[in-house]
Amino acid sequence: MSWFSIVRILFLLPLAWLAACDSGGPPPARVAGGDAKLGRVLLAQYQCGACHQIGGVAAARGQLGPPLDGFGRRSYIAGSLPNAPETLVRWLVDPSALKPGASMPAMGVSEQDARHMAAYLYATP
């Protein structure tokens, strides 16, 4: 092996290692038809913060439900439902339809409002 080859390996090896490192996880999930800015407003309007802490949502400091910061990095919704945009939309519209006996009440959220709310939850770090 030539001196040039050794230098090249020593130079490229750290670059390859950096490329393989986790750069903060996967990009946020996209919610078809969802507008994250509107979703933030709707989370406040539906008073989700009465039960949940939600970063960026005024007065969302509830302690009854889990905090919703970093929601997109979670594996499950409500502890057992795979975390996927369409599942979250359905959950926001009618939680007990997906998990009978769920402690989260149906809040009268329309499917379109749920899309916006889900877009915000997936976009927040």
PDB file of N, CA and C in Angstrom:
ATOM      1  N   MET A   1       0.866  -1.169   0.000  1.00  0.00           N
ATOM      2  CA  MET A   1       0.000   0.000   0.000  1.00  0.00           C
ATOM      3  C   MET A   1       0.912   1.231   0.000  1.00  0.00           C
ATOM      4  N   SER A   2       0.600   2.157  -0.854  1.00  0.00           N
ATOM      5  CA  SER A   2       1.425   3.355  -0.984  1.00  0.00           C
ATOM      6  C   SER A   2       1.119   4.370   0.122  1.00  0.00           C
ATOM      7  N   TRP A   3       2.072   5.265   0.307  1.00  0.00           N
ATOM      8  CA  TRP A   3       1.903   6.336   1.286  1.00  0.00           C
ATOM      9  C   TRP A   3       0.671   7.175   0.956  1.00  0.00           C
ATOM     10  N   PHE A   4       0.458   7.441  -0.330  1.00  0.00           N
ATOM     11  CA  PHE A   4      -0.703   8.221  -0.774  1.00  0.00           C
ATOM     12  C   PHE A   4      -2.014   7.528  -0.398  1.00  0.00           C
ATOM     13  N   SER A   5      -2.077   6.225  -0.555  1.00  0.00           N
ATOM     14  CA  SER A   5      -3.285   5.468  -0.196  1.00  0.00           C
ATOM     15  C   SER A   5      -3.565   5.550   1.298  1.00  0.00           C
ATOM     16  N   ILE A   6      -2.535   5.462   2.103  1.00  0.00           N
ATOM     17  CA  ILE A   6      -2.707   5.535   3.556  1.00  0.00           C
ATOM     18  C   ILE A   6      -3.228   6.920   3.957  1.00  0.00           C
ATOM     19  N   VAL A   7      -2.648   7.966   3.381  1.00  0.00           N
ATOM     20  CA  VAL A   7      -3.101   9.325   3.685  1.00  0.00           C
ATOM     21  C   VAL A   7      -4.552   9.506   3.258  1.00  0.00           C
ATOM     22  N   ARG A   8      -4.895   8.989   2.092  1.00  0.00           N
ATOM     23  CA  ARG A   8      -6.269   9.106   1.603  1.00  0.00           C
ATOM     24  C   ARG A   8      -7.241   8.392   2.532  1.00  0.00           C
ATOM     25  N   ILE A   9      -6.888   7.209   2.995  1.00  0.00           N
ATOM     26  CA  ILE A   9      -7.753   6.462   3.922  1.00  0.00           C
ATOM     27  C   ILE A   9      -7.910   7.228   5.229  1.00  0.00           C
ATOM     28  N   LEU A  10      -6.789   7.746   5.740  1.00  0.00           N
ATOM     29  CA  LEU A  10      -6.850   8.496   6.996  1.00  0.00           C
ATOM     30  C   LEU A  10      -7.683   9.766   6.865  1.00  0.00           C
ATOM     31  N   PHE A  11      -7.712  10.336   5.688  1.00  0.00           N
ATOM     32  CA  PHE A  11      -8.518  11.534   5.448  1.00  0.00           C
ATOM     33  C   PHE A  11      -9.992  11.182   5.266  1.00  0.00           C
ATOM     34  N   LEU A  12     -10.275  10.132   4.517  1.00  0.00           N
ATOM     35  CA  LEU A  12     -11.660   9.791   4.188  1.00  0.00           C
ATOM     36  C   LEU A  12     -12.385   9.043   5.301  1.00  0.00           C
ATOM     37  N   LEU A  13     -11.662   8.318   6.128  1.00  0.00           N
ATOM     38  CA  LEU A  13     -12.302   7.545   7.187  1.00  0.00           C
ATOM     39  C   LEU A  13     -13.131   8.419   8.131  1.00  0.00           C
ATOM     40  N   PRO A  14     -12.599   9.538   8.649  1.00  0.00           N
ATOM     41  CA  PRO A  14     -13.448  10.390   9.517  1.00  0.00           C
ATOM     42  C   PRO A  14     -14.657  10.966   8.785  1.00  0.00           C
ATOM     43  N   LEU A  15     -14.503  11.260   7.497  1.00  0.00           N
ATOM     44  CA  LEU A  15     -15.649  11.779   6.739  1.00  0.00           C
ATOM     45  C   LEU A  15     -16.740  10.728   6.613  1.00  0.00           C
ATOM     46  N   ALA A  16     -16.341   9.486   6.362  1.00  0.00           N
ATOM     47  CA  ALA A  16     -17.324   8.401   6.267  1.00  0.00           C
ATOM     48  C   ALA A  16     -18.013   8.189   7.611  1.00  0.00           C
ATOM     49  N   TRP A  17     -17.255   8.282   8.683  1.00  0.00           N
ATOM     50  CA  TRP A  17     -17.835   8.120  10.014  1.00  0.00           C
ATOM     51  C   TRP A  17     -18.856   9.217  10.298  1.00  0.00           C
ATOM     52  N   LEU A  18     -18.518  10.455   9.952  1.00  0.00           N
ATOM     53  CA  LEU A  18     -19.450  11.562  10.162  1.00  0.00           C
ATOM     54  C   LEU A  18     -20.718  11.388   9.337  1.00  0.00           C
ATOM     55  N   ALA A  19     -20.585  10.900   8.122  1.00  0.00           N
ATOM     56  CA  ALA A  19     -21.756  10.694   7.266  1.00  0.00           C
ATOM     57  C   ALA A  19     -22.677   9.631   7.846  1.00  0.00           C
ATOM     58  N   ALA A  20     -22.113   8.664   8.550  1.00  0.00           N
ATOM     59  CA  ALA A  20     -22.921   7.588   9.127  1.00  0.00           C
ATOM     60  C   ALA A  20     -23.580   7.978  10.432  1.00  0.00           C
ATOM     61  N   CYS A  21     -23.111   9.048  11.060  1.00  0.00           N
ATOM     62  CA  CYS A  21     -23.674   9.487  12.347  1.00  0.00           C
ATOM     63  C   CYS A  21     -25.110   9.960  12.170  1.00  0.00           C
ATOM     64  N   ASP A  22     -25.872   9.825  13.230  1.00  0.00           N
ATOM     65  CA  ASP A  22     -27.248  10.300  13.240  1.00  0.00           C
ATOM     66  C   ASP A  22     -27.238  11.817  13.238  1.00  0.00           C
ATOM     67  N   SER A  23     -27.854  12.412  12.261  1.00  0.00           N
ATOM     68  CA  SER A  23     -27.885  13.870  12.155  1.00  0.00           C
ATOM     69  C   SER A  23     -29.154  14.444  12.750  1.00  0.00           C
ATOM     70  N   GLY A  24     -29.644  13.864  13.836  1.00  0.00           N
ATOM     71  CA  GLY A  24     -30.832  14.399  14.477  1.00  0.00           C
ATOM     72  C   GLY A  24     -32.084  13.606  14.162  1.00  0.00           C
ATOM     73  N   GLY A  25     -31.941  12.470  13.536  1.00  0.00           N
ATOM     74  CA  GLY A  25     -33.086  11.621  13.252  1.00  0.00           C
ATOM     75  C   GLY A  25     -33.709  11.923  11.910  1.00  0.00           C
ATOM     76  N   PRO A  26     -34.772  11.213  11.610  1.00  0.00           N
ATOM     77  CA  PRO A  26     -35.424  11.395  10.318  1.00  0.00           C
ATOM     78  C   PRO A  26     -36.117  12.744  10.240  1.00  0.00           C
ATOM     79  N   PRO A  27     -36.339  13.229   9.035  1.00  0.00           N
ATOM     80  CA  PRO A  27     -37.061  14.495   8.910  1.00  0.00           C
ATOM     81  C   PRO A  27     -38.480  14.331   9.440  1.00  0.00           C
ATOM     82  N   PRO A  28     -39.100  15.427   9.846  1.00  0.00           N
ATOM     83  CA  PRO A  28     -40.468  15.319  10.378  1.00  0.00           C
ATOM     84  C   PRO A  28     -41.414  14.699   9.360  1.00  0.00           C
ATOM     85  N   ALA A  29     -42.359  13.920   9.861  1.00  0.00           N
ATOM     86  CA  ALA A  29     -43.360  13.311   8.988  1.00  0.00           C
ATOM     87  C   ALA A  29     -44.206  14.409   8.350  1.00  0.00           C
ATOM     88  N   ARG A  30     -44.587  14.198   7.138  1.00  0.00           N
ATOM     89  CA  ARG A  30     -45.470  15.140   6.445  1.00  0.00           C
ATOM     90  C   ARG A  30     -46.908  14.672   6.600  1.00  0.00           C
ATOM     91  N   VAL A  31     -47.765  15.629   6.849  1.00  0.00           N
ATOM     92  CA  VAL A  31     -49.192  15.336   6.985  1.00  0.00           C
ATOM     93  C   VAL A  31     -49.886  15.948   5.776  1.00  0.00           C
ATOM     94  N   ALA A  32     -50.422  15.108   4.916  1.00  0.00           N
ATOM     95  CA  ALA A  32     -51.095  15.588   3.710  1.00  0.00           C
ATOM     96  C   ALA A  32     -52.208  16.562   4.077  1.00  0.00           C
ATOM     97  N   GLY A  33     -52.149  17.754   3.488  1.00  0.00           N
ATOM     98  CA  GLY A  33     -53.180  18.761   3.734  1.00  0.00           C
ATOM     99  C   GLY A  33     -53.030  19.492   5.051  1.00  0.00           C
ATOM    100  N   GLY A  34     -51.912  19.294   5.742  1.00  0.00           N
ATOM    101  CA  GLY A  34     -51.730  19.932   7.040  1.00  0.00           C
ATOM    102  C   GLY A  34     -50.862  21.174   6.969  1.00  0.00           C
ATOM    103  N   ASP A  35     -51.226  22.178   7.748  1.00  0.00           N
ATOM    104  CA  ASP A  35     -50.484  23.430   7.851  1.00  0.00           C
ATOM    105  C   ASP A  35     -50.071  23.590   9.314  1.00  0.00           C
ATOM    106  N   ALA A  36     -48.774  23.445   9.584  1.00  0.00           N
ATOM    107  CA  ALA A  36     -48.279  23.467  10.961  1.00  0.00           C
ATOM    108  C   ALA A  36     -48.582  24.786  11.668  1.00  0.00           C
ATOM    109  N   LYS A  37     -48.496  25.910  10.972  1.00  0.00           N
ATOM    110  CA  LYS A  37     -48.774  27.201  11.610  1.00  0.00           C
ATOM    111  C   LYS A  37     -50.216  27.271  12.083  1.00  0.00           C
ATOM    112  N   LEU A  38     -51.129  26.831  11.249  1.00  0.00           N
ATOM    113  CA  LEU A  38     -52.535  26.795  11.640  1.00  0.00           C
ATOM    114  C   LEU A  38     -52.746  25.767  12.746  1.00  0.00           C
ATOM    115  N   GLY A  39     -52.026  24.666  12.677  1.00  0.00           N
ATOM    116  CA  GLY A  39     -52.143  23.631  13.702  1.00  0.00           C
ATOM    117  C   GLY A  39     -51.812  24.138  15.092  1.00  0.00           C
ATOM    118  N   ARG A  40     -50.797  25.004  15.201  1.00  0.00           N
ATOM    119  CA  ARG A  40     -50.432  25.587  16.495  1.00  0.00           C
ATOM    120  C   ARG A  40     -51.596  26.396  17.058  1.00  0.00           C
ATOM    121  N   VAL A  41     -52.244  27.170  16.205  1.00  0.00           N
ATOM    122  CA  VAL A  41     -53.398  27.975  16.621  1.00  0.00           C
ATOM    123  C   VAL A  41     -54.545  27.064  17.065  1.00  0.00           C
ATOM    124  N   LEU A  42     -54.770  26.006  16.307  1.00  0.00           N
ATOM    125  CA  LEU A  42     -55.876  25.091  16.626  1.00  0.00           C
ATOM    126  C   LEU A  42     -55.631  24.322  17.927  1.00  0.00           C
ATOM    127  N   LEU A  43     -54.379  23.959  18.192  1.00  0.00           N
ATOM    128  CA  LEU A  43     -54.080  23.276  19.457  1.00  0.00           C
ATOM    129  C   LEU A  43     -54.445  24.162  20.647  1.00  0.00           C
ATOM    130  N   ALA A  44     -54.233  25.459  20.500  1.00  0.00           N
ATOM    131  CA  ALA A  44     -54.647  26.394  21.553  1.00  0.00           C
ATOM    132  C   ALA A  44     -56.166  26.539  21.578  1.00  0.00           C
ATOM    133  N   GLN A  45     -56.775  26.641  20.408  1.00  0.00           N
ATOM    134  CA  GLN A  45     -58.230  26.829  20.315  1.00  0.00           C
ATOM    135  C   GLN A  45     -58.990  25.654  20.928  1.00  0.00           C
ATOM    136  N   TYR A  46     -58.518  24.430  20.675  1.00  0.00           N
ATOM    137  CA  TYR A  46     -59.180  23.247  21.231  1.00  0.00           C
ATOM    138  C   TYR A  46     -58.757  22.978  22.679  1.00  0.00           C
ATOM    139  N   GLN A  47     -57.922  23.863  23.220  1.00  0.00           N
ATOM    140  CA  GLN A  47     -57.470  23.809  24.613  1.00  0.00           C
ATOM    141  C   GLN A  47     -56.748  22.504  24.956  1.00  0.00           C
ATOM    142  N   CYS A  48     -55.950  22.022  24.021  1.00  0.00           N
ATOM    143  CA  CYS A  48     -55.168  20.806  24.247  1.00  0.00           C
ATOM    144  C   CYS A  48     -54.183  21.000  25.398  1.00  0.00           C
ATOM    145  N   GLY A  49     -53.769  22.251  25.605  1.00  0.00           N
ATOM    146  CA  GLY A  49     -52.834  22.570  26.668  1.00  0.00           C
ATOM    147  C   GLY A  49     -53.414  22.461  28.063  1.00  0.00           C
ATOM    148  N   ALA A  50     -54.707  22.241  28.180  1.00  0.00           N
ATOM    149  CA  ALA A  50     -55.290  22.014  29.501  1.00  0.00           C
ATOM    150  C   ALA A  50     -54.786  20.691  30.079  1.00  0.00           C
ATOM    151  N   CYS A  51     -54.467  19.759  29.199  1.00  0.00           N
ATOM    152  CA  CYS A  51     -53.972  18.446  29.640  1.00  0.00           C
ATOM    153  C   CYS A  51     -52.516  18.186  29.260  1.00  0.00           C
ATOM    154  N   HIS A  52     -52.029  18.841  28.211  1.00  0.00           N
ATOM    155  CA  HIS A  52     -50.693  18.552  27.680  1.00  0.00           C
ATOM    156  C   HIS A  52     -49.787  19.774  27.711  1.00  0.00           C
ATOM    157  N   GLN A  53     -48.492  19.525  27.838  1.00  0.00           N
ATOM    158  CA  GLN A  53     -47.483  20.546  27.578  1.00  0.00           C
ATOM    159  C   GLN A  53     -47.177  20.468  26.087  1.00  0.00           C
ATOM    160  N   ILE A  54     -47.215  21.614  25.411  1.00  0.00           N
ATOM    161  CA  ILE A  54     -46.940  21.648  23.976  1.00  0.00           C
ATOM    162  C   ILE A  54     -46.061  22.858  23.716  1.00  0.00           C
ATOM    163  N   GLY A  55     -44.827  22.622  23.332  1.00  0.00           N
ATOM    164  CA  GLY A  55     -43.914  23.717  23.049  1.00  0.00           C
ATOM    165  C   GLY A  55     -44.452  24.634  21.965  1.00  0.00           C
ATOM    166  N   GLY A  56     -44.355  25.935  22.196  1.00  0.00           N
ATOM    167  CA  GLY A  56     -44.789  26.916  21.217  1.00  0.00           C
ATOM    168  C   GLY A  56     -46.269  27.239  21.254  1.00  0.00           C
ATOM    169  N   VAL A  57     -47.030  26.564  22.106  1.00  0.00           N
ATOM    170  CA  VAL A  57     -48.468  26.819  22.209  1.00  0.00           C
ATOM    171  C   VAL A  57     -48.725  27.522  23.539  1.00  0.00           C
ATOM    172  N   ALA A  58     -49.270  28.727  23.446  1.00  0.00           N
ATOM    173  CA  ALA A  58     -49.524  29.536  24.636  1.00  0.00           C
ATOM    174  C   ALA A  58     -50.390  28.778  25.639  1.00  0.00           C
ATOM    175  N   ALA A  59     -49.988  28.848  26.886  1.00  0.00           N
ATOM    176  CA  ALA A  59     -50.724  28.263  28.016  1.00  0.00           C
ATOM    177  C   ALA A  59     -50.845  26.745  27.952  1.00  0.00           C
ATOM    178  N   ALA A  60     -50.055  26.075  27.134  1.00  0.00           N
ATOM    179  CA  ALA A  60     -50.113  24.610  27.056  1.00  0.00           C
ATOM    180  C   ALA A  60     -49.133  24.028  28.075  1.00  0.00           C
ATOM    181  N   ARG A  61     -49.608  23.994  29.316  1.00  0.00           N
ATOM    182  CA  ARG A  61     -48.757  23.536  30.412  1.00  0.00           C
ATOM    183  C   ARG A  61     -49.439  22.454  31.245  1.00  0.00           C
ATOM    184  N   GLY A  62     -50.375  21.754  30.656  1.00  0.00           N
ATOM    185  CA  GLY A  62     -51.115  20.719  31.381  1.00  0.00           C
ATOM    186  C   GLY A  62     -50.225  19.574  31.819  1.00  0.00           C
ATOM    187  N   GLN A  63     -50.650  18.908  32.875  1.00  0.00           N
ATOM    188  CA  GLN A  63     -49.898  17.793  33.442  1.00  0.00           C
ATOM    189  C   GLN A  63     -50.667  16.472  33.399  1.00  0.00           C
ATOM    190  N   LEU A  64     -51.917  16.499  33.009  1.00  0.00           N
ATOM    191  CA  LEU A  64     -52.731  15.286  33.021  1.00  0.00           C
ATOM    192  C   LEU A  64     -52.308  14.307  31.924  1.00  0.00           C
ATOM    193  N   GLY A  65     -52.110  14.811  30.716  1.00  0.00           N
ATOM    194  CA  GLY A  65     -51.655  13.980  29.608  1.00  0.00           C
ATOM    195  C   GLY A  65     -50.156  14.122  29.416  1.00  0.00           C
ATOM    196  N   PRO A  66     -49.574  13.300  28.569  1.00  0.00           N
ATOM    197  CA  PRO A  66     -48.124  13.388  28.355  1.00  0.00           C
ATOM    198  C   PRO A  66     -47.743  14.674  27.623  1.00  0.00           C
ATOM    199  N   PRO A  67     -46.516  15.163  27.843  1.00  0.00           N
ATOM    200  CA  PRO A  67     -46.052  16.315  27.059  1.00  0.00           C
ATOM    201  C   PRO A  67     -45.962  15.903  25.591  1.00  0.00           C
ATOM    202  N   LEU A  68     -46.233  16.839  24.698  1.00  0.00           N
ATOM    203  CA  LEU A  68     -46.264  16.511  23.271  1.00  0.00           C
ATOM    204  C   LEU A  68     -45.054  17.048  22.508  1.00  0.00           C
ATOM    205  N   ASP A  69     -44.079  17.601  23.227  1.00  0.00           N
ATOM    206  CA  ASP A  69     -42.853  18.037  22.571  1.00  0.00           C
ATOM    207  C   ASP A  69     -42.137  16.818  21.987  1.00  0.00           C
ATOM    208  N   GLY A  70     -41.539  16.978  20.827  1.00  0.00           N
ATOM    209  CA  GLY A  70     -40.813  15.883  20.192  1.00  0.00           C
ATOM    210  C   GLY A  70     -41.700  14.734  19.772  1.00  0.00           C
ATOM    211  N   PHE A  71     -42.964  15.009  19.519  1.00  0.00           N
ATOM    212  CA  PHE A  71     -43.933  13.962  19.208  1.00  0.00           C
ATOM    213  C   PHE A  71     -43.517  13.108  18.006  1.00  0.00           C
ATOM    214  N   GLY A  72     -42.949  13.723  17.001  1.00  0.00           N
ATOM    215  CA  GLY A  72     -42.580  12.993  15.788  1.00  0.00           C
ATOM    216  C   GLY A  72     -41.505  11.949  15.996  1.00  0.00           C
ATOM    217  N   ARG A  73     -40.752  12.037  17.076  1.00  0.00           N
ATOM    218  CA  ARG A  73     -39.703  11.059  17.356  1.00  0.00           C
ATOM    219  C   ARG A  73     -40.222   9.864  18.143  1.00  0.00           C
ATOM    220  N   ARG A  74     -41.460   9.892  18.535  1.00  0.00           N
ATOM    221  CA  ARG A  74     -42.020   8.792  19.322  1.00  0.00           C
ATOM    222  C   ARG A  74     -42.428   7.632  18.418  1.00  0.00           C
ATOM    223  N   SER A  75     -42.379   6.450  18.983  1.00  0.00           N
ATOM    224  CA  SER A  75     -42.757   5.255  18.232  1.00  0.00           C
ATOM    225  C   SER A  75     -44.265   5.016  18.246  1.00  0.00           C
ATOM    226  N   TYR A  76     -44.910   5.443  19.336  1.00  0.00           N
ATOM    227  CA  TYR A  76     -46.328   5.124  19.507  1.00  0.00           C
ATOM    228  C   TYR A  76     -47.160   6.342  19.896  1.00  0.00           C
ATOM    229  N   ILE A  77     -48.420   6.265  19.536  1.00  0.00           N
ATOM    230  CA  ILE A  77     -49.442   7.213  19.973  1.00  0.00           C
ATOM    231  C   ILE A  77     -50.214   6.495  21.073  1.00  0.00           C
ATOM    232  N   ALA A  78     -50.406   7.143  22.201  1.00  0.00           N
ATOM    233  CA  ALA A  78     -51.167   6.573  23.318  1.00  0.00           C
ATOM    234  C   ALA A  78     -50.598   5.235  23.780  1.00  0.00           C
ATOM    235  N   GLY A  79     -49.302   5.066  23.615  1.00  0.00           N
ATOM    236  CA  GLY A  79     -48.638   3.884  24.135  1.00  0.00           C
ATOM    237  C   GLY A  79     -48.728   2.618  23.313  1.00  0.00           C
ATOM    238  N   SER A  80     -49.617   2.554  22.313  1.00  0.00           N
ATOM    239  CA  SER A  80     -49.748   1.291  21.580  1.00  0.00           C
ATOM    240  C   SER A  80     -50.053   1.431  20.090  1.00  0.00           C
ATOM    241  N   LEU A  81     -50.390   2.619  19.624  1.00  0.00           N
ATOM    242  CA  LEU A  81     -50.723   2.806  18.208  1.00  0.00           C
ATOM    243  C   LEU A  81     -49.478   3.285  17.460  1.00  0.00           C
ATOM    244  N   PRO A  82     -49.116   2.634  16.362  1.00  0.00           N
ATOM    245  CA  PRO A  82     -47.927   3.078  15.618  1.00  0.00           C
ATOM    246  C   PRO A  82     -48.044   4.557  15.238  1.00  0.00           C
ATOM    247  N   ASN A  83     -46.977   5.298  15.482  1.00  0.00           N
ATOM    248  CA  ASN A  83     -46.979   6.732  15.227  1.00  0.00           C
ATOM    249  C   ASN A  83     -46.821   6.994  13.735  1.00  0.00           C
ATOM    250  N   ALA A  84     -47.935   7.281  13.092  1.00  0.00           N
ATOM    251  CA  ALA A  84     -47.977   7.603  11.665  1.00  0.00           C
ATOM    252  C   ALA A  84     -48.987   8.737  11.482  1.00  0.00           C
ATOM    253  N   PRO A  85     -48.757   9.603  10.490  1.00  0.00           N
ATOM    254  CA  PRO A  85     -49.648  10.764  10.323  1.00  0.00           C
ATOM    255  C   PRO A  85     -51.136  10.431  10.247  1.00  0.00           C
ATOM    256  N   GLU A  86     -51.518   9.461   9.448  1.00  0.00           N
ATOM    257  CA  GLU A  86     -52.954   9.154   9.317  1.00  0.00           C
ATOM    258  C   GLU A  86     -53.537   8.611  10.618  1.00  0.00           C
ATOM    259  N   THR A  87     -52.731   7.866  11.360  1.00  0.00           N
ATOM    260  CA  THR A  87     -53.205   7.356  12.651  1.00  0.00           C
ATOM    261  C   THR A  87     -53.390   8.504  13.632  1.00  0.00           C
ATOM    262  N   LEU A  88     -52.453   9.447  13.640  1.00  0.00           N
ATOM    263  CA  LEU A  88     -52.582  10.596  14.540  1.00  0.00           C
ATOM    264  C   LEU A  88     -53.813  11.426  14.194  1.00  0.00           C
ATOM    265  N   VAL A  89     -54.075  11.628  12.920  1.00  0.00           N
ATOM    266  CA  VAL A  89     -55.269  12.378  12.511  1.00  0.00           C
ATOM    267  C   VAL A  89     -56.514  11.675  13.037  1.00  0.00           C
ATOM    268  N   ARG A  90     -56.596  10.373  12.836  1.00  0.00           N
ATOM    269  CA  ARG A  90     -57.760   9.620  13.321  1.00  0.00           C
ATOM    270  C   ARG A  90     -57.869   9.692  14.849  1.00  0.00           C
ATOM    271  N   TRP A  91     -56.721   9.633  15.538  1.00  0.00           N
ATOM    272  CA  TRP A  91     -56.696   9.721  16.996  1.00  0.00           C
ATOM    273  C   TRP A  91     -57.244  11.062  17.478  1.00  0.00           C
ATOM    274  N   LEU A  92     -56.828  12.141  16.826  1.00  0.00           N
ATOM    275  CA  LEU A  92     -57.281  13.476  17.235  1.00  0.00           C
ATOM    276  C   LEU A  92     -58.777  13.665  17.006  1.00  0.00           C
ATOM    277  N   VAL A  93     -59.312  13.018  15.999  1.00  0.00           N
ATOM    278  CA  VAL A  93     -60.747  13.128  15.704  1.00  0.00           C
ATOM    279  C   VAL A  93     -61.567  12.301  16.694  1.00  0.00           C
ATOM    280  N   ASP A  94     -61.162  11.053  16.934  1.00  0.00           N
ATOM    281  CA  ASP A  94     -61.955  10.171  17.797  1.00  0.00           C
ATOM    282  C   ASP A  94     -61.055   9.145  18.497  1.00  0.00           C
ATOM    283  N   PRO A  95     -60.441   9.540  19.608  1.00  0.00           N
ATOM    284  CA  PRO A  95     -59.503   8.648  20.291  1.00  0.00           C
ATOM    285  C   PRO A  95     -60.090   7.286  20.661  1.00  0.00           C
ATOM    286  N   SER A  96     -61.306   7.258  21.168  1.00  0.00           N
ATOM    287  CA  SER A  96     -61.874   5.981  21.630  1.00  0.00           C
ATOM    288  C   SER A  96     -62.183   5.019  20.486  1.00  0.00           C
ATOM    289  N   ALA A  97     -62.280   5.526  19.265  1.00  0.00           N
ATOM    290  CA  ALA A  97     -62.484   4.626  18.119  1.00  0.00           C
ATOM    291  C   ALA A  97     -61.229   3.790  17.861  1.00  0.00           C
ATOM    292  N   LEU A  98     -60.067   4.341  18.186  1.00  0.00           N
ATOM    293  CA  LEU A  98     -58.813   3.613  17.986  1.00  0.00           C
ATOM    294  C   LEU A  98     -58.378   2.851  19.231  1.00  0.00           C
ATOM    295  N   LYS A  99     -58.761   3.371  20.386  1.00  0.00           N
ATOM    296  CA  LYS A  99     -58.366   2.744  21.644  1.00  0.00           C
ATOM    297  C   LYS A  99     -59.532   2.869  22.620  1.00  0.00           C
ATOM    298  N   PRO A 100     -60.431   1.892  22.610  1.00  0.00           N
ATOM    299  CA  PRO A 100     -61.582   1.955  23.510  1.00  0.00           C
ATOM    300  C   PRO A 100     -61.143   2.170  24.961  1.00  0.00           C
ATOM    301  N   GLY A 101     -61.830   3.062  25.631  1.00  0.00           N
ATOM    302  CA  GLY A 101     -61.509   3.381  27.018  1.00  0.00           C
ATOM    303  C   GLY A 101     -60.380   4.386  27.164  1.00  0.00           C
ATOM    304  N   ALA A 102     -59.976   4.991  26.057  1.00  0.00           N
ATOM    305  CA  ALA A 102     -58.892   5.978  26.103  1.00  0.00           C
ATOM    306  C   ALA A 102     -59.267   7.111  27.044  1.00  0.00           C
ATOM    307  N   SER A 103     -58.269   7.609  27.768  1.00  0.00           N
ATOM    308  CA  SER A 103     -58.550   8.713  28.686  1.00  0.00           C
ATOM    309  C   SER A 103     -58.656  10.049  27.960  1.00  0.00           C
ATOM    310  N   MET A 104     -58.169  10.118  26.733  1.00  0.00           N
ATOM    311  CA  MET A 104     -58.300  11.365  25.971  1.00  0.00           C
ATOM    312  C   MET A 104     -59.717  11.451  25.406  1.00  0.00           C
ATOM    313  N   PRO A 105     -60.399  12.546  25.695  1.00  0.00           N
ATOM    314  CA  PRO A 105     -61.773  12.684  25.202  1.00  0.00           C
ATOM    315  C   PRO A 105     -61.804  13.148  23.751  1.00  0.00           C
ATOM    316  N   ALA A 106     -62.896  12.847  23.082  1.00  0.00           N
ATOM    317  CA  ALA A 106     -63.138  13.415  21.751  1.00  0.00           C
ATOM    318  C   ALA A 106     -63.479  14.881  21.975  1.00  0.00           C
ATOM    319  N   MET A 107     -62.774  15.761  21.278  1.00  0.00           N
ATOM    320  CA  MET A 107     -62.939  17.203  21.488  1.00  0.00           C
ATOM    321  C   MET A 107     -63.710  17.873  20.357  1.00  0.00           C
ATOM    322  N   GLY A 108     -64.302  17.086  19.472  1.00  0.00           N
ATOM    323  CA  GLY A 108     -65.041  17.675  18.361  1.00  0.00           C
ATOM    324  C   GLY A 108     -64.131  18.201  17.260  1.00  0.00           C
ATOM    325  N   VAL A 109     -62.931  17.641  17.157  1.00  0.00           N
ATOM    326  CA  VAL A 109     -61.964  18.078  16.152  1.00  0.00           C
ATOM    327  C   VAL A 109     -62.364  17.499  14.791  1.00  0.00           C
ATOM    328  N   SER A 110     -62.456  18.368  13.788  1.00  0.00           N
ATOM    329  CA  SER A 110     -62.749  17.887  12.432  1.00  0.00           C
ATOM    330  C   SER A 110     -61.503  17.233  11.849  1.00  0.00           C
ATOM    331  N   GLU A 111     -61.677  16.441  10.798  1.00  0.00           N
ATOM    332  CA  GLU A 111     -60.534  15.789  10.171  1.00  0.00           C
ATOM    333  C   GLU A 111     -59.541  16.825   9.643  1.00  0.00           C
ATOM    334  N   GLN A 112     -60.039  17.896   9.048  1.00  0.00           N
ATOM    335  CA  GLN A 112     -59.129  18.908   8.507  1.00  0.00           C
ATOM    336  C   GLN A 112     -58.361  19.612   9.618  1.00  0.00           C
ATOM    337  N   ASP A 113     -59.038  19.965  10.704  1.00  0.00           N
ATOM    338  CA  ASP A 113     -58.337  20.576  11.833  1.00  0.00           C
ATOM    339  C   ASP A 113     -57.298  19.603  12.398  1.00  0.00           C
ATOM    340  N   ALA A 114     -57.637  18.322  12.476  1.00  0.00           N
ATOM    341  CA  ALA A 114     -56.710  17.313  12.983  1.00  0.00           C
ATOM    342  C   ALA A 114     -55.465  17.231  12.102  1.00  0.00           C
ATOM    343  N   ARG A 115     -55.619  17.394  10.799  1.00  0.00           N
ATOM    344  CA  ARG A 115     -54.462  17.381   9.889  1.00  0.00           C
ATOM    345  C   ARG A 115     -53.510  18.536  10.205  1.00  0.00           C
ATOM    346  N   HIS A 116     -54.068  19.705  10.441  1.00  0.00           N
ATOM    347  CA  HIS A 116     -53.244  20.858  10.779  1.00  0.00           C
ATOM    348  C   HIS A 116     -52.551  20.651  12.136  1.00  0.00           C
ATOM    349  N   MET A 117     -53.290  20.151  13.100  1.00  0.00           N
ATOM    350  CA  MET A 117     -52.738  19.912  14.431  1.00  0.00           C
ATOM    351  C   MET A 117     -51.621  18.870  14.365  1.00  0.00           C
ATOM    352  N   ALA A 118     -51.848  17.810  13.615  1.00  0.00           N
ATOM    353  CA  ALA A 118     -50.826  16.767  13.458  1.00  0.00           C
ATOM    354  C   ALA A 118     -49.583  17.336  12.781  1.00  0.00           C
ATOM    355  N   ALA A 119     -49.771  18.181  11.784  1.00  0.00           N
ATOM    356  CA  ALA A 119     -48.628  18.792  11.095  1.00  0.00           C
ATOM    357  C   ALA A 119     -47.775  19.571  12.093  1.00  0.00           C
ATOM    358  N   TYR A 120     -48.395  20.277  13.010  1.00  0.00           N
ATOM    359  CA  TYR A 120     -47.638  21.034  14.015  1.00  0.00           C
ATOM    360  C   TYR A 120     -46.908  20.066  14.960  1.00  0.00           C
ATOM    361  N   LEU A 121     -47.606  19.043  15.426  1.00  0.00           N
ATOM    362  CA  LEU A 121     -46.983  18.127  16.366  1.00  0.00           C
ATOM    363  C   LEU A 121     -45.775  17.426  15.753  1.00  0.00           C
ATOM    364  N   TYR A 122     -45.850  17.088  14.482  1.00  0.00           N
ATOM    365  CA  TYR A 122     -44.705  16.446  13.826  1.00  0.00           C
ATOM    366  C   TYR A 122     -43.583  17.435  13.537  1.00  0.00           C
ATOM    367  N   ALA A 123     -43.896  18.715  13.426  1.00  0.00           N
ATOM    368  CA  ALA A 123     -42.880  19.713  13.089  1.00  0.00           C
ATOM    369  C   ALA A 123     -42.112  20.223  14.292  1.00  0.00           C
ATOM    370  N   THR A 124     -42.622  20.025  15.503  1.00  0.00           N
ATOM    371  CA  THR A 124     -41.951  20.572  16.683  1.00  0.00           C
ATOM    372  C   THR A 124     -40.846  19.640  17.147  1.00  0.00           C
ATOM    373  N   PRO A 125     -39.738  20.222  17.557  1.00  0.00           N
ATOM    374  CA  PRO A 125     -38.604  19.396  18.047  1.00  0.00           C
ATOM    375  C   PRO A 125     -38.883  18.798  19.409  1.00  0.00           C
TER     376      PRO A 125
END
